[in-house]
Amino acid sequence: MAVPKRKVSKARHRKRHAHWKAGVVHTVRCKQCSRQHQPHAACPYCGYYKGREVTTPWVKTDD
């Protein structure tokens, strides 16, 4: 098993990890209520997925 000969400095470690960042959250428009939500998931506003109600809405709305 390989063992490092020297300690990796903070600068070298941080340079290597500088590009580890969160990407943009992708969203799609709900066909039922026309609000944005994550793809392949039930809409938290109306509870519909693929045209049928699968859950009760759990997000409070001020409509």
PDB file of N, CA and C in Angstrom:
ATOM      1  N   MET A   1       0.842  -1.186   0.000  1.00  0.00           N
ATOM      2  CA  MET A   1       0.000   0.000   0.000  1.00  0.00           C
ATOM      3  C   MET A   1       0.882   1.242   0.000  1.00  0.00           C
ATOM      4  N   ALA A   2       0.519   2.222  -0.792  1.00  0.00           N
ATOM      5  CA  ALA A   2       1.312   3.444  -0.894  1.00  0.00           C
ATOM      6  C   ALA A   2       1.108   4.321   0.334  1.00  0.00           C
ATOM      7  N   VAL A   3       2.209   4.877   0.801  1.00  0.00           N
ATOM      8  CA  VAL A   3       2.177   5.761   1.955  1.00  0.00           C
ATOM      9  C   VAL A   3       2.842   7.075   1.557  1.00  0.00           C
ATOM     10  N   PRO A   4       2.213   8.232   1.838  1.00  0.00           N
ATOM     11  CA  PRO A   4       2.829   9.498   1.471  1.00  0.00           C
ATOM     12  C   PRO A   4       4.131   9.729   2.238  1.00  0.00           C
ATOM     13  N   LYS A   5       5.130  10.299   1.551  1.00  0.00           N
ATOM     14  CA  LYS A   5       6.414  10.572   2.205  1.00  0.00           C
ATOM     15  C   LYS A   5       6.357  11.823   3.057  1.00  0.00           C
ATOM     16  N   ARG A   6       5.531  12.800   2.625  1.00  0.00           N
ATOM     17  CA  ARG A   6       5.454  14.068   3.356  1.00  0.00           C
ATOM     18  C   ARG A   6       4.005  14.477   3.553  1.00  0.00           C
ATOM     19  N   LYS A   7       3.803  15.349   4.531  1.00  0.00           N
ATOM     20  CA  LYS A   7       2.471  15.881   4.798  1.00  0.00           C
ATOM     21  C   LYS A   7       2.043  16.781   3.633  1.00  0.00           C
ATOM     22  N   VAL A   8       0.787  16.677   3.236  1.00  0.00           N
ATOM     23  CA  VAL A   8       0.253  17.547   2.188  1.00  0.00           C
ATOM     24  C   VAL A   8      -0.109  18.870   2.851  1.00  0.00           C
ATOM     25  N   SER A   9       0.453  19.958   2.329  1.00  0.00           N
ATOM     26  CA  SER A   9       0.213  21.261   2.935  1.00  0.00           C
ATOM     27  C   SER A   9      -1.241  21.693   2.740  1.00  0.00           C
ATOM     28  N   LYS A  10      -1.684  22.636   3.558  1.00  0.00           N
ATOM     29  CA  LYS A  10      -3.054  23.154   3.453  1.00  0.00           C
ATOM     30  C   LYS A  10      -3.285  23.789   2.093  1.00  0.00           C
ATOM     31  N   ALA A  11      -2.298  24.520   1.589  1.00  0.00           N
ATOM     32  CA  ALA A  11      -2.440  25.192   0.293  1.00  0.00           C
ATOM     33  C   ALA A  11      -2.616  24.170  -0.834  1.00  0.00           C
ATOM     34  N   ARG A  12      -1.802  23.120  -0.822  1.00  0.00           N
ATOM     35  CA  ARG A  12      -1.900  22.108  -1.879  1.00  0.00           C
ATOM     36  C   ARG A  12      -3.235  21.372  -1.802  1.00  0.00           C
ATOM     37  N   HIS A  13      -3.656  21.044  -0.592  1.00  0.00           N
ATOM     38  CA  HIS A  13      -4.942  20.366  -0.395  1.00  0.00           C
ATOM     39  C   HIS A  13      -6.092  21.254  -0.867  1.00  0.00           C
ATOM     40  N   ARG A  14      -6.071  22.514  -0.512  1.00  0.00           N
ATOM     41  CA  ARG A  14      -7.144  23.444  -0.880  1.00  0.00           C
ATOM     42  C   ARG A  14      -7.176  23.725  -2.374  1.00  0.00           C
ATOM     43  N   LYS A  15      -6.005  23.750  -3.015  1.00  0.00           N
ATOM     44  CA  LYS A  15      -5.965  23.916  -4.471  1.00  0.00           C
ATOM     45  C   LYS A  15      -6.646  22.744  -5.162  1.00  0.00           C
ATOM     46  N   ARG A  16      -6.373  21.558  -4.662  1.00  0.00           N
ATOM     47  CA  ARG A  16      -6.933  20.355  -5.269  1.00  0.00           C
ATOM     48  C   ARG A  16      -8.451  20.288  -5.075  1.00  0.00           C
ATOM     49  N   HIS A  17      -8.943  20.795  -3.964  1.00  0.00           N
ATOM     50  CA  HIS A  17     -10.362  20.722  -3.647  1.00  0.00           C
ATOM     51  C   HIS A  17     -11.112  22.016  -3.990  1.00  0.00           C
ATOM     52  N   ALA A  18     -10.482  22.927  -4.707  1.00  0.00           N
ATOM     53  CA  ALA A  18     -11.104  24.218  -5.009  1.00  0.00           C
ATOM     54  C   ALA A  18     -12.313  24.091  -5.915  1.00  0.00           C
ATOM     55  N   HIS A  19     -12.380  23.032  -6.724  1.00  0.00           N
ATOM     56  CA  HIS A  19     -13.470  22.898  -7.683  1.00  0.00           C
ATOM     57  C   HIS A  19     -14.605  22.024  -7.178  1.00  0.00           C
ATOM     58  N   TRP A  20     -14.570  21.631  -5.935  1.00  0.00           N
ATOM     59  CA  TRP A  20     -15.654  20.843  -5.351  1.00  0.00           C
ATOM     60  C   TRP A  20     -16.722  21.798  -4.888  1.00  0.00           C
ATOM     61  N   LYS A  21     -17.731  22.022  -5.689  1.00  0.00           N
ATOM     62  CA  LYS A  21     -18.797  22.925  -5.292  1.00  0.00           C
ATOM     63  C   LYS A  21     -20.133  22.379  -5.747  1.00  0.00           C
ATOM     64  N   ALA A  22     -21.167  22.828  -5.114  1.00  0.00           N
ATOM     65  CA  ALA A  22     -22.512  22.372  -5.451  1.00  0.00           C
ATOM     66  C   ALA A  22     -22.937  22.964  -6.786  1.00  0.00           C
ATOM     67  N   GLY A  23     -23.624  22.158  -7.558  1.00  0.00           N
ATOM     68  CA  GLY A  23     -24.120  22.624  -8.847  1.00  0.00           C
ATOM     69  C   GLY A  23     -25.488  23.274  -8.707  1.00  0.00           C
ATOM     70  N   VAL A  24     -26.009  23.727  -9.826  1.00  0.00           N
ATOM     71  CA  VAL A  24     -27.322  24.352  -9.850  1.00  0.00           C
ATOM     72  C   VAL A  24     -28.390  23.270  -9.676  1.00  0.00           C
ATOM     73  N   VAL A  25     -29.388  23.536  -8.861  1.00  0.00           N
ATOM     74  CA  VAL A  25     -30.476  22.597  -8.662  1.00  0.00           C
ATOM     75  C   VAL A  25     -31.402  22.676  -9.868  1.00  0.00           C
ATOM     76  N   HIS A  26     -31.610  21.547 -10.534  1.00  0.00           N
ATOM     77  CA  HIS A  26     -32.465  21.516 -11.716  1.00  0.00           C
ATOM     78  C   HIS A  26     -33.921  21.403 -11.290  1.00  0.00           C
ATOM     79  N   THR A  27     -34.790  22.116 -11.991  1.00  0.00           N
ATOM     80  CA  THR A  27     -36.214  22.078 -11.694  1.00  0.00           C
ATOM     81  C   THR A  27     -37.006  21.920 -12.977  1.00  0.00           C
ATOM     82  N   VAL A  28     -38.226  21.434 -12.833  1.00  0.00           N
ATOM     83  CA  VAL A  28     -39.165  21.316 -13.941  1.00  0.00           C
ATOM     84  C   VAL A  28     -40.490  21.932 -13.503  1.00  0.00           C
ATOM     85  N   ARG A  29     -41.316  22.269 -14.481  1.00  0.00           N
ATOM     86  CA  ARG A  29     -42.617  22.883 -14.187  1.00  0.00           C
ATOM     87  C   ARG A  29     -43.649  21.781 -13.969  1.00  0.00           C
ATOM     88  N   CYS A  30     -44.409  21.875 -12.889  1.00  0.00           N
ATOM     89  CA  CYS A  30     -45.467  20.914 -12.588  1.00  0.00           C
ATOM     90  C   CYS A  30     -46.609  21.102 -13.583  1.00  0.00           C
ATOM     91  N   LYS A  31     -47.097  20.004 -14.146  1.00  0.00           N
ATOM     92  CA  LYS A  31     -48.191  20.081 -15.116  1.00  0.00           C
ATOM     93  C   LYS A  31     -49.525  20.376 -14.449  1.00  0.00           C
ATOM     94  N   GLN A  32     -49.623  20.116 -13.145  1.00  0.00           N
ATOM     95  CA  GLN A  32     -50.878  20.313 -12.429  1.00  0.00           C
ATOM     96  C   GLN A  32     -51.029  21.752 -11.924  1.00  0.00           C
ATOM     97  N   CYS A  33     -49.995  22.264 -11.244  1.00  0.00           N
ATOM     98  CA  CYS A  33     -50.109  23.588 -10.607  1.00  0.00           C
ATOM     99  C   CYS A  33     -49.163  24.625 -11.205  1.00  0.00           C
ATOM    100  N   SER A  34     -48.329  24.231 -12.178  1.00  0.00           N
ATOM    101  CA  SER A  34     -47.403  25.121 -12.890  1.00  0.00           C
ATOM    102  C   SER A  34     -46.325  25.743 -12.013  1.00  0.00           C
ATOM    103  N   ARG A  35     -45.968  25.104 -10.929  1.00  0.00           N
ATOM    104  CA  ARG A  35     -44.876  25.578 -10.082  1.00  0.00           C
ATOM    105  C   ARG A  35     -43.635  24.742 -10.340  1.00  0.00           C
ATOM    106  N   GLN A  36     -42.471  25.284  -9.968  1.00  0.00           N
ATOM    107  CA  GLN A  36     -41.207  24.592 -10.178  1.00  0.00           C
ATOM    108  C   GLN A  36     -40.962  23.591  -9.047  1.00  0.00           C
ATOM    109  N   HIS A  37     -40.496  22.381  -9.417  1.00  0.00           N
ATOM    110  CA  HIS A  37     -40.108  21.383  -8.424  1.00  0.00           C
ATOM    111  C   HIS A  37     -39.023  20.511  -9.030  1.00  0.00           C
ATOM    112  N   GLN A  38     -38.406  19.652  -8.228  1.00  0.00           N
ATOM    113  CA  GLN A  38     -37.327  18.795  -8.716  1.00  0.00           C
ATOM    114  C   GLN A  38     -37.889  17.709  -9.629  1.00  0.00           C
ATOM    115  N   PRO A  39     -37.140  17.345 -10.673  1.00  0.00           N
ATOM    116  CA  PRO A  39     -37.622  16.308 -11.584  1.00  0.00           C
ATOM    117  C   PRO A  39     -37.659  14.932 -10.916  1.00  0.00           C
ATOM    118  N   HIS A  40     -38.509  14.055 -11.413  1.00  0.00           N
ATOM    119  CA  HIS A  40     -38.660  12.679 -10.924  1.00  0.00           C
ATOM    120  C   HIS A  40     -39.056  12.647  -9.455  1.00  0.00           C
ATOM    121  N   ALA A  41     -39.831  13.620  -9.012  1.00  0.00           N
ATOM    122  CA  ALA A  41     -40.302  13.660  -7.629  1.00  0.00           C
ATOM    123  C   ALA A  41     -41.696  14.258  -7.616  1.00  0.00           C
ATOM    124  N   ALA A  42     -42.492  13.900  -6.615  1.00  0.00           N
ATOM    125  CA  ALA A  42     -43.831  14.457  -6.487  1.00  0.00           C
ATOM    126  C   ALA A  42     -43.731  15.949  -6.180  1.00  0.00           C
ATOM    127  N   CYS A  43     -44.660  16.706  -6.719  1.00  0.00           N
ATOM    128  CA  CYS A  43     -44.672  18.154  -6.489  1.00  0.00           C
ATOM    129  C   CYS A  43     -45.036  18.419  -5.028  1.00  0.00           C
ATOM    130  N   PRO A  44     -44.212  19.154  -4.292  1.00  0.00           N
ATOM    131  CA  PRO A  44     -44.517  19.411  -2.888  1.00  0.00           C
ATOM    132  C   PRO A  44     -45.678  20.380  -2.698  1.00  0.00           C
ATOM    133  N   TYR A  45     -46.082  21.088  -3.745  1.00  0.00           N
ATOM    134  CA  TYR A  45     -47.147  22.074  -3.638  1.00  0.00           C
ATOM    135  C   TYR A  45     -48.532  21.468  -3.847  1.00  0.00           C
ATOM    136  N   CYS A  46     -48.654  20.517  -4.800  1.00  0.00           N
ATOM    137  CA  CYS A  46     -49.969  19.933  -5.063  1.00  0.00           C
ATOM    138  C   CYS A  46     -50.013  18.427  -4.792  1.00  0.00           C
ATOM    139  N   GLY A  47     -48.851  17.769  -4.677  1.00  0.00           N
ATOM    140  CA  GLY A  47     -48.807  16.345  -4.359  1.00  0.00           C
ATOM    141  C   GLY A  47     -48.982  15.434  -5.555  1.00  0.00           C
ATOM    142  N   TYR A  48     -48.921  15.961  -6.777  1.00  0.00           N
ATOM    143  CA  TYR A  48     -49.108  15.147  -7.979  1.00  0.00           C
ATOM    144  C   TYR A  48     -47.769  14.699  -8.552  1.00  0.00           C
ATOM    145  N   TYR A  49     -47.787  13.505  -9.149  1.00  0.00           N
ATOM    146  CA  TYR A  49     -46.631  12.977  -9.878  1.00  0.00           C
ATOM    147  C   TYR A  49     -47.149  12.176 -11.056  1.00  0.00           C
ATOM    148  N   LYS A  50     -46.690  12.528 -12.245  1.00  0.00           N
ATOM    149  CA  LYS A  50     -47.120  11.878 -13.487  1.00  0.00           C
ATOM    150  C   LYS A  50     -48.632  11.885 -13.646  1.00  0.00           C
ATOM    151  N   GLY A  51     -49.264  13.009 -13.326  1.00  0.00           N
ATOM    152  CA  GLY A  51     -50.689  13.179 -13.570  1.00  0.00           C
ATOM    153  C   GLY A  51     -51.627  12.599 -12.534  1.00  0.00           C
ATOM    154  N   ARG A  52     -51.121  12.017 -11.464  1.00  0.00           N
ATOM    155  CA  ARG A  52     -52.010  11.494 -10.424  1.00  0.00           C
ATOM    156  C   ARG A  52     -51.504  11.914  -9.051  1.00  0.00           C
ATOM    157  N   GLU A  53     -52.439  12.046  -8.115  1.00  0.00           N
ATOM    158  CA  GLU A  53     -52.073  12.492  -6.769  1.00  0.00           C
ATOM    159  C   GLU A  53     -51.459  11.317  -6.006  1.00  0.00           C
ATOM    160  N   VAL A  54     -50.252  11.504  -5.518  1.00  0.00           N
ATOM    161  CA  VAL A  54     -49.563  10.440  -4.796  1.00  0.00           C
ATOM    162  C   VAL A  54     -49.348  10.784  -3.323  1.00  0.00           C
ATOM    163  N   THR A  55     -49.306  12.058  -2.985  1.00  0.00           N
ATOM    164  CA  THR A  55     -49.141  12.482  -1.595  1.00  0.00           C
ATOM    165  C   THR A  55     -50.018  13.692  -1.337  1.00  0.00           C
ATOM    166  N   THR A  56     -50.157  14.030  -0.078  1.00  0.00           N
ATOM    167  CA  THR A  56     -50.838  15.264   0.266  1.00  0.00           C
ATOM    168  C   THR A  56     -49.803  16.382   0.263  1.00  0.00           C
ATOM    169  N   PRO A  57     -50.150  17.581  -0.165  1.00  0.00           N
ATOM    170  CA  PRO A  57     -49.164  18.666  -0.188  1.00  0.00           C
ATOM    171  C   PRO A  57     -48.640  18.959   1.202  1.00  0.00           C
ATOM    172  N   TRP A  58     -47.323  19.180   1.308  1.00  0.00           N
ATOM    173  CA  TRP A  58     -46.731  19.445   2.627  1.00  0.00           C
ATOM    174  C   TRP A  58     -46.107  20.816   2.725  1.00  0.00           C
ATOM    175  N   VAL A  59     -46.128  21.603   1.632  1.00  0.00           N
ATOM    176  CA  VAL A  59     -45.571  22.955   1.644  1.00  0.00           C
ATOM    177  C   VAL A  59     -46.708  23.924   1.841  1.00  0.00           C
ATOM    178  N   LYS A  60     -46.534  24.835   2.803  1.00  0.00           N
ATOM    179  CA  LYS A  60     -47.549  25.855   3.037  1.00  0.00           C
ATOM    180  C   LYS A  60     -47.522  26.886   1.921  1.00  0.00           C
ATOM    181  N   THR A  61     -48.666  27.234   1.411  1.00  0.00           N
ATOM    182  CA  THR A  61     -48.756  28.255   0.360  1.00  0.00           C
ATOM    183  C   THR A  61     -49.632  29.404   0.842  1.00  0.00           C
ATOM    184  N   ASP A  62     -49.325  30.591   0.382  1.00  0.00           N
ATOM    185  CA  ASP A  62     -50.097  31.777   0.768  1.00  0.00           C
ATOM    186  C   ASP A  62     -51.043  32.187  -0.354  1.00  0.00           C
ATOM    187  N   ASP A  63     -51.715  31.213  -0.974  1.00  0.00           N
ATOM    188  CA  ASP A  63     -52.635  31.516  -2.080  1.00  0.00           C
ATOM    189  C   ASP A  63     -53.996  31.910  -1.569  1.00  0.00           C
TER     190      ASP A  63
END
